N, C-alpha and C. Protein backbone atom coordinates (compact mmCIF):
# COMPACT_ATOMS: atom_id res chain seq x y z
N MET A 1 0.58 -1.14 -0.12
CA MET A 1 -0.16 0.12 -0.06
C MET A 1 0.66 1.38 -0.23
N PRO A 2 0.60 2.16 -0.98
CA PRO A 2 1.50 3.16 -1.06
C PRO A 2 1.58 4.20 0.18
N LEU A 3 2.24 4.83 0.61
CA LEU A 3 2.71 5.86 1.65
C LEU A 3 1.54 6.76 1.82
N GLU A 4 1.15 7.44 0.62
CA GLU A 4 0.20 8.59 0.97
C GLU A 4 -1.16 7.91 0.89
N THR A 5 -1.05 6.46 0.60
CA THR A 5 -3.14 6.16 0.50
C THR A 5 -3.00 5.61 2.12
N LEU A 6 -1.77 5.37 2.69
CA LEU A 6 -1.65 4.82 4.43
C LEU A 6 -2.03 6.30 5.00
N ASN A 7 -1.44 7.38 4.60
CA ASN A 7 -1.72 8.73 5.60
C ASN A 7 -3.31 9.13 5.39
N ARG A 8 -3.55 9.14 4.00
CA ARG A 8 -5.34 9.14 4.02
C ARG A 8 -5.88 8.77 4.68
N ILE A 9 -5.75 7.38 4.68
CA ILE A 9 -6.42 6.62 5.94
C ILE A 9 -6.44 7.04 7.26
N ILE A 10 -5.04 7.25 7.53
CA ILE A 10 -4.82 7.53 9.01
C ILE A 10 -5.24 9.14 9.43
N LEU A 11 -5.57 9.92 8.37
CA LEU A 11 -5.70 11.29 8.88
C LEU A 11 -7.53 10.76 8.58
N ASP A 12 -8.43 10.01 8.08
CA ASP A 12 -9.34 9.80 7.84
C ASP A 12 -10.69 10.13 9.32
N PRO A 13 -11.22 10.86 9.61
CA PRO A 13 -12.06 11.20 10.66
C PRO A 13 -12.61 9.61 11.46
N ALA A 14 -12.91 9.13 10.61
CA ALA A 14 -13.85 8.03 10.31
C ALA A 14 -13.00 7.04 11.45
N TYR A 15 -11.70 6.98 11.90
CA TYR A 15 -10.70 5.89 12.35
C TYR A 15 -10.18 6.74 13.15
N ALA A 16 -10.42 7.76 13.83
CA ALA A 16 -9.24 8.56 14.78
C ALA A 16 -9.44 8.49 16.25
N ASP A 17 -10.86 7.93 16.54
CA ASP A 17 -11.14 7.22 17.95
C ASP A 17 -9.99 6.34 18.06
N TYR A 18 -10.33 5.28 16.97
CA TYR A 18 -9.79 3.94 17.10
C TYR A 18 -7.87 4.41 16.90
N LEU A 19 -7.50 5.19 16.39
CA LEU A 19 -6.25 5.23 16.33
C LEU A 19 -5.50 5.73 17.07
N ALA A 20 -6.60 6.81 17.64
CA ALA A 20 -5.98 7.26 19.04
C ALA A 20 -5.68 6.57 20.69
N ILE A 21 -6.48 5.65 20.02
CA ILE A 21 -6.44 4.31 21.56
C ILE A 21 -4.55 3.82 21.02
N LEU A 22 -4.63 3.61 19.80
CA LEU A 22 -3.33 2.67 19.07
C LEU A 22 -2.07 3.77 19.59
N LYS A 23 -2.66 5.08 19.27
CA LYS A 23 -1.07 6.61 19.80
C LYS A 23 -1.26 6.13 21.69
N GLY A 24 -2.42 6.32 22.22
CA GLY A 24 -2.21 6.53 23.47
C GLY A 24 -1.38 4.85 24.20
N ALA A 25 -1.49 3.92 23.36
CA ALA A 25 -0.69 2.93 23.92
C ALA A 25 0.76 3.07 23.87
N ARG A 26 0.98 3.09 22.02
CA ARG A 26 2.47 3.67 21.93
C ARG A 26 2.99 4.74 22.92
N ASN A 27 2.35 5.92 23.07
CA ASN A 27 3.03 6.86 24.21
C ASN A 27 3.05 6.59 25.47
N GLY A 28 2.33 5.42 25.94
CA GLY A 28 2.45 4.77 27.38
C GLY A 28 3.87 4.01 27.28
N LEU A 29 3.87 3.30 26.04
CA LEU A 29 4.80 2.54 26.43
C LEU A 29 6.18 3.09 26.30
N VAL A 30 6.36 4.41 25.46
CA VAL A 30 7.44 5.19 25.49
C VAL A 30 8.11 6.13 26.69
N TYR A 31 7.04 6.38 26.98
CA TYR A 31 7.22 7.26 28.24
C TYR A 31 7.54 6.08 29.31
N GLY A 32 6.98 5.26 29.78
CA GLY A 32 7.13 4.26 30.58
C GLY A 32 8.73 3.65 30.94
N ALA A 33 9.14 3.50 29.49
CA ALA A 33 10.46 3.14 28.98
C ALA A 33 11.52 4.11 29.59
N LYS A 34 10.97 5.13 29.52
CA LYS A 34 11.86 6.52 29.41
C LYS A 34 12.23 6.81 30.92
N VAL A 35 11.40 6.66 31.47
CA VAL A 35 11.05 6.88 32.73
C VAL A 35 11.80 5.77 33.98
N ARG A 36 11.30 4.64 33.19
CA ARG A 36 11.35 3.76 34.39
C ARG A 36 13.07 3.19 34.40
N PHE A 37 13.92 3.38 33.12
CA PHE A 37 15.33 2.77 32.84
C PHE A 37 16.43 3.40 33.60
N PRO A 38 16.10 4.87 33.33
CA PRO A 38 16.84 5.63 33.60
C PRO A 38 17.26 5.69 35.33
N HIS A 39 16.09 5.59 35.97
CA HIS A 39 15.75 5.58 37.46
C HIS A 39 16.02 3.95 37.59
N ALA A 40 16.03 2.79 37.13
CA ALA A 40 16.49 1.74 37.46
C ALA A 40 17.72 1.27 37.26
N LEU A 41 18.16 1.91 36.01
CA LEU A 41 20.06 2.08 35.84
C LEU A 41 20.33 2.51 37.39
N VAL A 42 20.18 3.56 37.62
CA VAL A 42 20.97 4.54 38.77
C VAL A 42 20.97 3.86 39.99
N MET A 43 19.49 3.05 40.03
CA MET A 43 19.67 1.76 41.61
C MET A 43 20.14 0.95 41.56
N ALA A 44 20.19 0.42 40.01
CA ALA A 44 20.87 -0.75 40.39
C ALA A 44 22.66 -0.27 40.16
N ILE A 45 22.88 0.66 40.30
CA ILE A 45 24.79 1.26 40.04
C ILE A 45 24.70 1.02 41.58
N LEU A 46 24.07 2.14 42.59
CA LEU A 46 24.57 2.70 43.61
C LEU A 46 23.87 1.79 44.47
N PHE A 47 22.19 0.85 44.63
CA PHE A 47 22.28 0.30 45.55
C PHE A 47 22.11 -1.46 44.99
N GLY A 48 22.58 -1.48 43.80
CA GLY A 48 22.66 -3.44 43.12
C GLY A 48 23.28 -3.79 43.96
N LYS A 49 22.97 -5.54 44.18
CA LYS A 49 23.11 -6.79 44.82
C LYS A 49 23.19 -7.38 43.80
N GLY A 50 24.64 -8.34 43.89
CA GLY A 50 24.88 -9.43 43.10
C GLY A 50 25.43 -9.19 41.70
N SER A 51 25.45 -10.35 40.64
CA SER A 51 26.29 -9.84 39.51
C SER A 51 26.09 -8.70 38.54
N TRP A 52 26.83 -8.04 37.55
CA TRP A 52 26.15 -7.38 36.57
C TRP A 52 25.35 -7.69 36.06
N LYS A 53 25.31 -8.87 35.32
CA LYS A 53 24.59 -9.36 34.86
C LYS A 53 23.19 -9.57 35.47
N ASN A 54 22.59 -9.84 36.61
CA ASN A 54 21.98 -9.77 37.16
C ASN A 54 21.13 -8.63 37.33
N ARG A 55 21.76 -7.94 37.73
CA ARG A 55 21.37 -6.11 37.16
C ARG A 55 20.82 -5.61 36.48
N ILE A 56 21.55 -6.02 35.00
CA ILE A 56 21.08 -5.89 34.16
C ILE A 56 19.59 -6.55 33.68
N ILE A 57 19.82 -7.34 34.32
CA ILE A 57 18.32 -8.53 34.09
C ILE A 57 16.98 -7.74 34.50
N SER A 58 17.09 -7.36 35.86
CA SER A 58 16.73 -6.44 36.64
C SER A 58 16.22 -5.33 36.34
N ILE A 59 16.55 -4.55 35.62
CA ILE A 59 16.84 -3.66 35.03
C ILE A 59 15.82 -3.25 33.69
N LEU A 60 15.91 -4.44 33.17
CA LEU A 60 15.19 -4.64 31.88
C LEU A 60 13.73 -5.07 31.86
N ARG A 61 13.70 -5.59 33.21
CA ARG A 61 12.47 -6.22 33.55
C ARG A 61 11.49 -5.34 34.10
N ALA A 62 12.18 -4.29 35.06
CA ALA A 62 11.36 -3.15 35.30
C ALA A 62 11.15 -2.14 34.65
N THR A 63 11.91 -2.17 33.45
CA THR A 63 11.64 -1.37 32.52
C THR A 63 10.43 -1.66 31.52
N LYS A 64 10.49 -2.92 31.21
CA LYS A 64 9.31 -4.04 30.47
C LYS A 64 8.05 -3.56 31.50
N THR A 65 7.84 -4.21 32.88
CA THR A 65 6.72 -3.82 33.60
C THR A 65 6.37 -2.69 33.48
N HIS A 66 6.81 -1.56 33.77
CA HIS A 66 6.43 -0.16 33.78
C HIS A 66 5.72 -0.21 32.35
N ALA A 67 7.02 0.18 31.58
CA ALA A 67 5.96 0.08 30.09
C ALA A 67 4.99 -0.24 29.71
N LEU A 68 4.88 -1.49 29.64
CA LEU A 68 4.10 -2.48 29.44
C LEU A 68 2.47 -1.95 30.17
N ASN A 69 2.87 -2.23 31.41
CA ASN A 69 1.78 -1.56 32.26
C ASN A 69 0.84 -0.52 31.81
N LEU A 70 1.46 0.96 31.68
CA LEU A 70 1.16 2.37 31.49
C LEU A 70 0.54 2.24 29.86
N ALA A 71 1.22 1.03 29.14
CA ALA A 71 0.59 0.96 27.46
C ALA A 71 -1.22 0.40 27.77
N LYS A 72 -0.99 -0.57 28.43
CA LYS A 72 -2.08 -1.43 28.81
C LYS A 72 -3.21 -0.67 29.27
N PHE A 73 -2.70 0.41 30.30
CA PHE A 73 -3.73 1.25 31.12
C PHE A 73 -4.13 2.19 29.84
N VAL A 74 -3.05 2.97 29.51
CA VAL A 74 -4.06 3.87 28.23
C VAL A 74 -4.88 3.29 27.66
N THR A 75 -4.11 1.99 26.97
CA THR A 75 -5.39 1.34 26.01
C THR A 75 -7.00 0.80 26.28
N ILE A 76 -6.92 0.27 27.94
CA ILE A 76 -7.76 0.43 28.94
C ILE A 76 -8.55 1.81 28.80
N TYR A 77 -8.18 2.62 29.34
CA TYR A 77 -8.48 3.72 29.66
C TYR A 77 -9.52 4.28 28.44
N LYS A 78 -8.81 4.52 27.13
CA LYS A 78 -9.41 5.25 26.07
C LYS A 78 -10.18 4.53 25.64
N THR A 79 -10.17 3.15 25.45
CA THR A 79 -11.68 2.41 25.13
C THR A 79 -12.32 2.59 25.95
N LEU A 80 -12.46 2.45 27.13
CA LEU A 80 -13.29 2.75 28.01
C LEU A 80 -14.19 4.42 27.81
N LEU A 81 -13.46 5.15 27.59
CA LEU A 81 -14.13 6.56 27.13
C LEU A 81 -14.33 6.39 25.99
N LEU A 82 -14.21 5.91 25.06
CA LEU A 82 -14.87 5.40 23.72
C LEU A 82 -15.69 4.96 23.76
N PHE A 83 -16.23 3.58 24.86
CA PHE A 83 -17.12 2.84 24.68
C PHE A 83 -18.72 3.73 25.38
N GLN A 84 -18.15 4.09 26.73
CA GLN A 84 -19.14 4.99 27.11
C GLN A 84 -19.67 6.23 26.62
N ARG A 85 -18.74 7.15 25.43
CA ARG A 85 -19.34 8.09 25.03
C ARG A 85 -20.13 7.91 23.89
N LYS A 86 -19.86 6.50 23.39
CA LYS A 86 -20.97 5.63 22.08
C LYS A 86 -22.14 5.50 22.65
N ALA A 87 -22.17 4.89 24.07
CA ALA A 87 -23.42 4.63 24.87
C ALA A 87 -23.97 5.59 25.28
N ASN A 88 -23.57 6.59 25.33
CA ASN A 88 -24.43 8.03 25.59
C ASN A 88 -24.66 8.78 24.15
N ARG A 89 -24.67 8.52 23.31
CA ARG A 89 -25.00 9.32 22.05
C ARG A 89 -24.23 9.93 21.61
N GLY A 90 -22.56 9.83 21.44
CA GLY A 90 -21.99 10.53 21.14
C GLY A 90 -21.43 11.77 22.35
N LYS A 91 -22.00 12.01 23.58
CA LYS A 91 -21.87 13.03 24.72
C LYS A 91 -20.62 12.30 25.68
N ALA A 92 -19.46 13.20 25.64
CA ALA A 92 -18.87 12.55 26.65
C ALA A 92 -19.70 12.94 28.35
N ARG A 93 -19.38 12.44 29.52
CA ARG A 93 -19.61 13.08 30.99
C ARG A 93 -18.49 13.14 31.62
N LYS A 94 -18.54 13.91 32.93
CA LYS A 94 -17.44 14.16 33.59
C LYS A 94 -16.98 12.59 34.28
N ALA A 95 -18.09 12.00 34.67
CA ALA A 95 -17.78 10.90 35.65
C ALA A 95 -17.23 9.64 34.41
N ASP A 96 -16.89 10.05 33.09
CA ASP A 96 -16.59 8.65 32.34
C ASP A 96 -14.97 8.57 32.86
N THR A 97 -14.10 10.14 33.09
CA THR A 97 -12.93 9.91 33.16
C THR A 97 -12.16 8.89 34.47
N PHE A 98 -13.65 8.92 35.67
CA PHE A 98 -13.28 8.66 37.01
C PHE A 98 -13.34 7.01 36.43
N ILE A 99 -14.35 6.90 36.17
CA ILE A 99 -15.13 4.98 35.71
C ILE A 99 -14.07 4.48 35.41
N ALA A 100 -13.58 5.38 33.75
CA ALA A 100 -12.35 4.32 33.11
C ALA A 100 -11.01 4.29 33.72
N GLY A 101 -10.85 5.48 34.55
CA GLY A 101 -9.52 5.28 35.21
C GLY A 101 -9.72 4.37 36.45
N LEU A 102 -10.79 4.12 37.10
CA LEU A 102 -11.04 3.11 38.29
C LEU A 102 -11.27 1.83 37.55
N ILE A 103 -11.50 1.17 36.63
CA ILE A 103 -11.51 0.02 35.96
C ILE A 103 -9.85 0.01 35.40
N GLY A 104 -9.46 0.57 34.78
CA GLY A 104 -8.22 0.40 34.16
C GLY A 104 -7.05 0.52 35.04
N GLY A 105 -7.24 0.69 36.39
CA GLY A 105 -6.48 1.01 37.27
C GLY A 105 -6.76 -0.15 38.76
N TYR A 106 -7.60 -0.78 38.62
CA TYR A 106 -7.97 -2.06 38.90
C TYR A 106 -7.11 -3.54 38.05
N ILE A 107 -7.41 -3.07 36.92
CA ILE A 107 -6.86 -3.99 36.00
C ILE A 107 -5.32 -4.38 35.71
N VAL A 108 -5.01 -3.39 35.51
CA VAL A 108 -3.31 -2.97 35.37
C VAL A 108 -2.99 -3.12 36.55
N PHE A 109 -3.14 -2.00 37.48
CA PHE A 109 -1.83 -1.61 38.67
C PHE A 109 -2.30 -2.51 39.64
N GLY A 110 -3.81 -3.67 40.06
CA GLY A 110 -4.67 -3.93 41.30
C GLY A 110 -3.43 -5.08 41.47
N GLU A 111 -2.55 -5.21 40.48
CA GLU A 111 -1.69 -6.26 40.98
C GLU A 111 -0.96 -6.09 42.18
N ARG A 112 -0.34 -6.35 42.90
CA ARG A 112 0.60 -6.13 44.19
C ARG A 112 2.04 -6.58 43.55
N ASN A 113 2.89 -5.46 43.43
CA ASN A 113 4.23 -6.01 43.06
C ASN A 113 5.49 -4.90 43.02
N ALA A 114 6.44 -4.47 43.09
CA ALA A 114 7.30 -3.73 42.94
C ALA A 114 6.90 -2.30 42.23
N ILE A 115 6.81 -2.29 41.30
CA ILE A 115 6.78 -1.65 40.03
C ILE A 115 5.26 -0.63 40.38
N ASN A 116 4.44 -1.96 40.66
CA ASN A 116 2.67 -0.94 40.90
C ASN A 116 2.89 -0.34 42.30
N GLU A 117 3.41 -0.66 43.46
CA GLU A 117 3.49 0.00 44.37
C GLU A 117 3.82 1.39 44.29
N GLN A 118 5.28 1.31 43.47
CA GLN A 118 5.81 2.75 43.42
C GLN A 118 4.68 3.59 42.67
N ILE A 119 4.02 3.17 41.49
CA ILE A 119 3.44 4.08 40.59
C ILE A 119 1.87 4.36 41.31
N VAL A 120 1.38 3.67 42.19
CA VAL A 120 0.54 3.76 42.69
C VAL A 120 0.62 5.06 43.92
N LEU A 121 1.29 4.94 44.57
CA LEU A 121 1.75 5.60 45.70
C LEU A 121 2.09 6.81 45.15
N TYR A 122 2.69 6.96 43.94
CA TYR A 122 3.29 8.19 43.34
C TYR A 122 1.70 8.73 43.00
N VAL A 123 1.06 8.33 42.39
CA VAL A 123 -0.21 8.94 41.93
C VAL A 123 -0.91 9.47 43.05
N THR A 124 -1.24 8.58 44.30
CA THR A 124 -1.86 8.72 45.23
C THR A 124 -1.30 9.84 45.80
N SER A 125 -0.12 9.85 46.16
CA SER A 125 0.31 11.26 46.85
C SER A 125 -0.06 12.73 45.77
N ARG A 126 -0.18 12.29 44.47
CA ARG A 126 -0.67 13.20 43.68
C ARG A 126 -2.06 13.51 43.91
N VAL A 127 -2.66 12.55 43.87
CA VAL A 127 -4.44 12.77 44.15
C VAL A 127 -4.47 13.77 45.62
N VAL A 128 -3.79 13.38 46.49
CA VAL A 128 -4.08 13.54 47.96
C VAL A 128 -3.73 15.41 48.00
N ALA A 129 -2.28 15.78 47.21
CA ALA A 129 -2.04 16.54 47.17
C ALA A 129 -3.01 17.76 46.52
N SER A 130 -3.60 16.96 45.60
CA SER A 130 -4.84 18.11 44.78
C SER A 130 -5.77 18.56 45.82
N PHE A 131 -5.95 18.25 46.88
CA PHE A 131 -7.25 18.97 47.43
C PHE A 131 -6.42 19.96 48.26
N ILE A 132 -5.14 20.16 48.41
CA ILE A 132 -4.62 21.44 49.46
C ILE A 132 -4.88 22.50 48.61
N PRO A 133 -5.42 23.42 49.41
CA PRO A 133 -5.59 24.67 48.63
C PRO A 133 -4.33 25.29 48.06
N ARG A 134 -4.60 25.79 46.92
CA ARG A 134 -3.80 26.97 45.89
C ARG A 134 -3.35 27.88 46.58
N ASP A 135 -2.17 28.60 46.37
CA ASP A 135 -1.33 30.03 46.45
C ASP A 135 -1.33 30.23 47.93
N VAL A 136 -1.03 29.06 48.84
CA VAL A 136 -0.74 29.02 50.12
C VAL A 136 0.73 28.39 50.32
N PRO A 137 1.45 29.27 51.16
CA PRO A 137 2.84 28.78 51.40
C PRO A 137 2.89 27.76 52.35
N PRO A 138 3.36 26.70 52.00
CA PRO A 138 3.18 25.34 53.37
C PRO A 138 4.57 25.29 54.35
N SER A 139 3.97 25.34 55.54
CA SER A 139 4.65 25.34 56.68
C SER A 139 5.87 24.42 56.51
N ALA A 140 7.08 24.76 56.89
CA ALA A 140 8.00 23.96 57.37
C ALA A 140 7.89 23.41 58.36
N HIS A 141 7.98 21.92 58.70
CA HIS A 141 8.27 21.38 59.28
C HIS A 141 9.29 20.09 59.35
N PRO A 142 10.38 20.05 60.65
CA PRO A 142 11.21 19.25 60.36
C PRO A 142 10.74 17.77 60.36
N TYR A 143 10.85 16.94 59.85
CA TYR A 143 11.01 15.34 59.99
C TYR A 143 11.39 14.75 61.27
N PRO A 144 10.52 14.35 62.17
CA PRO A 144 11.25 13.52 63.25
C PRO A 144 11.97 12.44 62.91
N GLU A 145 12.72 12.30 63.92
CA GLU A 145 13.58 11.02 63.82
C GLU A 145 12.50 9.85 63.89
N ARG A 146 13.28 8.57 63.32
CA ARG A 146 12.36 6.94 63.35
C ARG A 146 13.07 6.03 63.74
N ASP A 147 12.58 5.18 64.49
CA ASP A 147 13.27 4.01 64.68
C ASP A 147 13.47 3.30 63.64
N ALA A 148 14.07 2.44 63.10
CA ALA A 148 14.29 1.40 62.08
C ALA A 148 13.31 0.33 62.32
N VAL A 149 12.49 0.28 60.71
CA VAL A 149 11.35 -0.45 61.21
C VAL A 149 11.45 -1.36 59.54
N LYS A 150 10.88 -2.88 59.78
CA LYS A 150 11.22 -3.41 58.59
C LYS A 150 9.66 -3.05 57.95
N PRO A 151 9.71 -2.57 56.66
CA PRO A 151 8.19 -2.43 56.26
C PRO A 151 7.46 -3.66 56.05
N LEU A 152 6.18 -3.53 56.07
CA LEU A 152 5.82 -4.34 55.62
C LEU A 152 4.62 -4.18 54.16
N PRO A 153 4.43 -5.42 53.57
CA PRO A 153 3.47 -5.02 52.08
C PRO A 153 2.11 -5.07 52.42
N PRO A 154 1.44 -4.22 51.45
CA PRO A 154 -0.01 -4.21 51.80
C PRO A 154 -0.89 -5.26 51.68
N ASN A 155 -2.15 -5.41 52.06
CA ASN A 155 -2.74 -6.67 51.95
C ASN A 155 -2.88 -6.53 50.38
N ALA A 156 -2.95 -7.67 49.74
CA ALA A 156 -3.01 -7.26 48.38
C ALA A 156 -4.52 -7.28 47.52
N ARG A 157 -6.01 -7.55 48.25
CA ARG A 157 -7.23 -7.41 48.10
C ARG A 157 -7.27 -5.79 48.38
N ILE A 158 -6.79 -5.54 49.28
CA ILE A 158 -6.95 -4.08 49.77
C ILE A 158 -6.19 -3.36 48.88
N PHE A 159 -5.12 -3.46 48.28
CA PHE A 159 -3.93 -2.64 47.25
C PHE A 159 -5.06 -2.58 45.99
N SER A 160 -5.67 -3.76 45.50
CA SER A 160 -6.38 -3.65 44.25
C SER A 160 -7.41 -2.67 44.20
N PHE A 161 -7.93 -2.47 45.36
CA PHE A 161 -8.91 -1.42 45.35
C PHE A 161 -8.62 -0.13 45.50
N PHE A 162 -7.44 0.10 46.70
CA PHE A 162 -6.55 1.15 46.44
C PHE A 162 -6.13 2.07 44.81
N ALA A 163 -5.34 0.85 44.45
CA ALA A 163 -5.36 1.06 43.14
C ALA A 163 -6.38 1.76 42.22
N ALA A 164 -7.41 1.23 42.12
CA ALA A 164 -8.09 1.42 41.32
C ALA A 164 -9.01 3.04 41.49
N VAL A 165 -9.23 3.19 42.73
CA VAL A 165 -9.27 4.96 42.98
C VAL A 165 -8.75 5.62 42.95
N ALA A 166 -7.44 5.08 43.21
CA ALA A 166 -6.21 6.44 43.02
C ALA A 166 -6.30 6.94 41.55
N TRP A 167 -6.18 5.44 40.49
CA TRP A 167 -6.06 5.85 39.25
C TRP A 167 -7.52 6.69 38.49
N GLY A 168 -8.72 6.05 38.96
CA GLY A 168 -9.83 6.78 38.97
C GLY A 168 -9.81 8.21 39.21
N ALA A 169 -9.32 8.14 40.34
CA ALA A 169 -9.44 10.26 40.97
C ALA A 169 -8.23 10.62 39.98
N VAL A 170 -7.12 10.33 39.43
CA VAL A 170 -6.36 11.68 39.10
C VAL A 170 -6.76 11.52 37.59
N MET A 171 -6.95 10.25 37.09
CA MET A 171 -8.02 10.85 35.83
C MET A 171 -8.51 11.65 35.45
N TYR A 172 -9.68 11.98 36.61
CA TYR A 172 -10.76 12.59 36.50
C TYR A 172 -10.06 14.04 36.92
N LEU A 173 -9.31 14.22 37.94
CA LEU A 173 -8.73 15.36 38.04
C LEU A 173 -7.81 16.13 37.02
N PHE A 174 -7.35 15.17 36.39
CA PHE A 174 -6.32 15.69 35.41
C PHE A 174 -7.22 16.22 33.86
N LYS A 175 -8.33 16.03 34.31
CA LYS A 175 -8.99 16.14 33.23
C LYS A 175 -10.10 17.64 33.28
N GLU A 176 -10.20 17.26 34.55
CA GLU A 176 -11.54 18.47 34.86
C GLU A 176 -11.24 19.44 36.13
N LYS A 177 -9.94 19.11 36.57
CA LYS A 177 -9.16 20.38 37.54
C LYS A 177 -7.51 19.96 37.61
N GLY A 178 -7.61 20.36 35.90
CA GLY A 178 -5.94 20.47 36.23
C GLY A 178 -5.02 20.96 36.95
N GLU A 179 -5.56 22.68 37.25
CA GLU A 179 -4.78 23.11 38.04
C GLU A 179 -4.14 22.66 39.75
N THR A 180 -4.91 21.98 39.79
CA THR A 180 -5.23 20.96 41.14
C THR A 180 -3.94 20.00 41.12
N ILE A 181 -3.55 19.48 40.20
CA ILE A 181 -2.58 18.19 40.15
C ILE A 181 -1.14 18.92 40.29
N GLN A 182 -0.30 18.05 41.17
CA GLN A 182 0.95 18.97 41.60
C GLN A 182 1.84 18.94 40.29
N PRO A 183 2.70 19.66 40.11
CA PRO A 183 3.51 20.07 38.77
C PRO A 183 4.09 19.13 38.42
N GLY A 184 4.74 18.33 38.82
CA GLY A 184 5.58 17.04 38.59
C GLY A 184 4.95 16.03 37.89
N LEU A 185 3.23 16.01 38.37
CA LEU A 185 3.14 14.56 37.71
C LEU A 185 2.57 15.48 36.36
N PHE A 186 1.88 16.45 36.79
CA PHE A 186 0.99 17.21 35.72
C PHE A 186 2.04 17.38 34.27
N ASN A 187 3.40 17.81 34.60
CA ASN A 187 4.42 18.10 33.66
C ASN A 187 4.62 16.53 32.84
N SER A 188 4.46 15.32 33.48
CA SER A 188 5.00 13.88 33.00
C SER A 188 3.76 13.68 32.02
N MET A 189 2.49 14.65 31.71
CA MET A 189 1.72 14.06 31.24
C MET A 189 1.41 15.11 30.10
N THR A 190 2.19 16.13 30.45
CA THR A 190 1.80 17.39 29.58
C THR A 190 3.15 17.77 28.77
N VAL A 191 3.71 17.11 27.69
CA VAL A 191 5.19 17.27 27.27
C VAL A 191 5.42 19.08 26.99
N ARG A 192 4.57 19.32 26.44
CA ARG A 192 4.84 20.67 25.27
C ARG A 192 3.39 21.33 25.32
N PHE A 193 3.57 22.91 25.24
CA PHE A 193 2.57 23.45 24.66
C PHE A 193 2.38 24.07 23.32
N SER A 194 1.61 23.86 22.27
CA SER A 194 1.74 24.56 21.00
C SER A 194 0.59 24.72 20.43
N ARG A 195 0.52 25.44 19.18
CA ARG A 195 -0.24 25.47 18.43
C ARG A 195 -0.43 24.66 17.17
N THR A 196 -1.23 23.46 16.98
CA THR A 196 -0.79 22.79 15.76
C THR A 196 -1.77 23.78 14.26
N LYS A 197 -1.22 23.47 13.21
CA LYS A 197 -1.90 23.47 11.93
C LYS A 197 -3.70 23.83 12.01
N GLU A 198 -4.10 24.82 11.52
CA GLU A 198 -5.65 24.42 11.21
C GLU A 198 -5.72 23.50 10.36
N ARG A 199 -6.85 22.49 11.06
CA ARG A 199 -7.66 21.31 9.92
C ARG A 199 -8.55 21.72 9.26
N ASP A 200 -8.94 20.97 8.98
CA ASP A 200 -9.91 21.01 7.10
C ASP A 200 -11.08 21.66 8.15
N ILE A 201 -11.49 21.03 9.46
CA ILE A 201 -12.56 21.76 10.79
C ILE A 201 -12.46 23.04 10.93
N GLY A 202 -11.07 23.49 10.63
CA GLY A 202 -11.06 25.15 11.00
C GLY A 202 -10.59 25.75 12.88
N LEU A 203 -10.08 24.33 13.12
CA LEU A 203 -9.78 24.28 14.87
C LEU A 203 -8.72 24.25 15.11
N THR A 204 -7.68 24.83 16.12
CA THR A 204 -6.77 25.11 16.77
C THR A 204 -6.53 24.36 17.92
N ASP A 205 -5.79 23.78 18.07
CA ASP A 205 -5.21 22.83 19.33
C ASP A 205 -4.48 23.62 19.82
N TRP A 206 -4.50 23.98 21.45
CA TRP A 206 -3.31 24.26 21.68
C TRP A 206 -2.60 23.41 22.84
N ILE A 207 -3.36 22.69 23.18
CA ILE A 207 -2.38 21.83 24.07
C ILE A 207 -2.00 20.22 23.70
N MET A 208 -0.92 19.57 23.74
CA MET A 208 -0.59 18.65 23.12
C MET A 208 -0.14 17.73 24.39
N GLN A 209 -0.60 16.76 25.09
CA GLN A 209 -0.85 16.29 25.86
C GLN A 209 0.00 14.33 25.89
N TYR A 210 1.31 14.63 26.05
CA TYR A 210 1.85 13.24 25.76
C TYR A 210 0.99 11.53 25.75
N ILE A 211 0.48 11.78 27.46
CA ILE A 211 -0.13 10.25 27.43
C ILE A 211 -1.62 10.35 27.27
N TYR A 212 -1.92 11.48 27.26
CA TYR A 212 -3.46 11.73 27.64
C TYR A 212 -4.02 12.39 26.45
N ASN A 213 -3.41 13.62 25.99
CA ASN A 213 -4.24 14.22 24.86
C ASN A 213 -3.73 14.38 23.44
N ASP A 214 -2.03 14.18 23.50
CA ASP A 214 -1.28 14.13 22.52
C ASP A 214 -1.46 12.70 21.51
N SER A 215 -1.99 11.68 22.15
CA SER A 215 -2.47 10.64 21.51
C SER A 215 -3.46 10.79 20.61
N ASN A 216 -4.51 12.05 20.65
CA ASN A 216 -5.40 12.00 19.55
C ASN A 216 -4.73 12.81 18.53
N TYR A 217 -3.42 13.33 18.34
CA TYR A 217 -3.32 14.17 17.31
C TYR A 217 -2.29 13.14 16.46
N TRP A 218 -1.92 13.48 15.20
CA TRP A 218 -1.06 12.68 14.27
C TRP A 218 -1.45 13.40 12.90
N GLU A 219 -0.30 13.35 12.19
CA GLU A 219 -0.29 13.87 10.77
C GLU A 219 -0.32 12.86 9.62
N ASP A 220 0.69 11.57 9.99
CA ASP A 220 0.72 11.18 9.04
C ASP A 220 1.47 9.27 9.76
N LEU A 221 2.07 8.37 9.04
CA LEU A 221 2.52 7.44 9.88
C LEU A 221 3.50 7.78 11.17
N ARG A 222 4.70 8.50 10.31
CA ARG A 222 5.54 8.76 11.50
C ARG A 222 5.07 9.46 12.70
N THR A 223 4.20 10.53 12.53
CA THR A 223 3.58 10.80 14.17
C THR A 223 2.39 10.20 14.73
N LEU A 224 1.93 9.33 14.13
CA LEU A 224 1.22 8.01 14.59
C LEU A 224 1.99 6.86 15.50
N ILE A 225 2.77 6.56 14.91
CA ILE A 225 3.80 5.28 15.38
C ILE A 225 5.06 5.32 16.41
N TRP A 226 5.69 6.72 15.35
CA TRP A 226 7.09 6.84 15.88
C TRP A 226 7.32 7.68 16.81
N HIS A 227 7.17 9.05 16.36
CA HIS A 227 7.03 10.09 17.01
C HIS A 227 6.34 11.13 16.98
N ASN A 228 6.10 11.82 18.23
CA ASN A 228 4.86 12.87 18.38
C ASN A 228 5.23 14.22 17.46
N LYS A 229 4.24 15.05 17.64
CA LYS A 229 4.69 16.60 16.65
C LYS A 229 5.48 17.03 17.45
């Protein structure tokens, strides 16, 4: 199939919703690898034990788990958003993001393992922080000294529901109350602000967001699969 024909199909609005799911999965995969690989590499160098062969295997395993989990979550999330919109006669509701995040969080991040615990706790801290009033300087409190204790893993069943609520909440907040999201998390989802070229429909897109909204925009095969604009 000629590239020109393929690009024409890719830009066909009839396929936009489904291709957005594909690109969302691609973005989750790439972002997960970019975030986890350097982190796992540094941790292996500074704190790793055993042979370098085992450390490399651990780095690759952690990177694979993180990347695939984000890809799976975005795929489920965007698929459920599309399903709910179609079920509601093409109209999106505010609760759709929470429901999609809730189900996606349970399916993908409900399994308790080291990678999922880190991701869910990171998301949860940002969800909790979103309830803090804005523009109020935080009070500085010194951290109290703590006795050395051995951490215990959370209950597996409770952790599954914990993960579901956390992801449902953060996706709703990002969509409906983005100003309350902690900057670190918001910036990880928002790669850049730019104006795209006007499309045939005459609309100008201001914000292209990497995992969430950037997966809704492409101009050809390269920007669908290989690289964002």
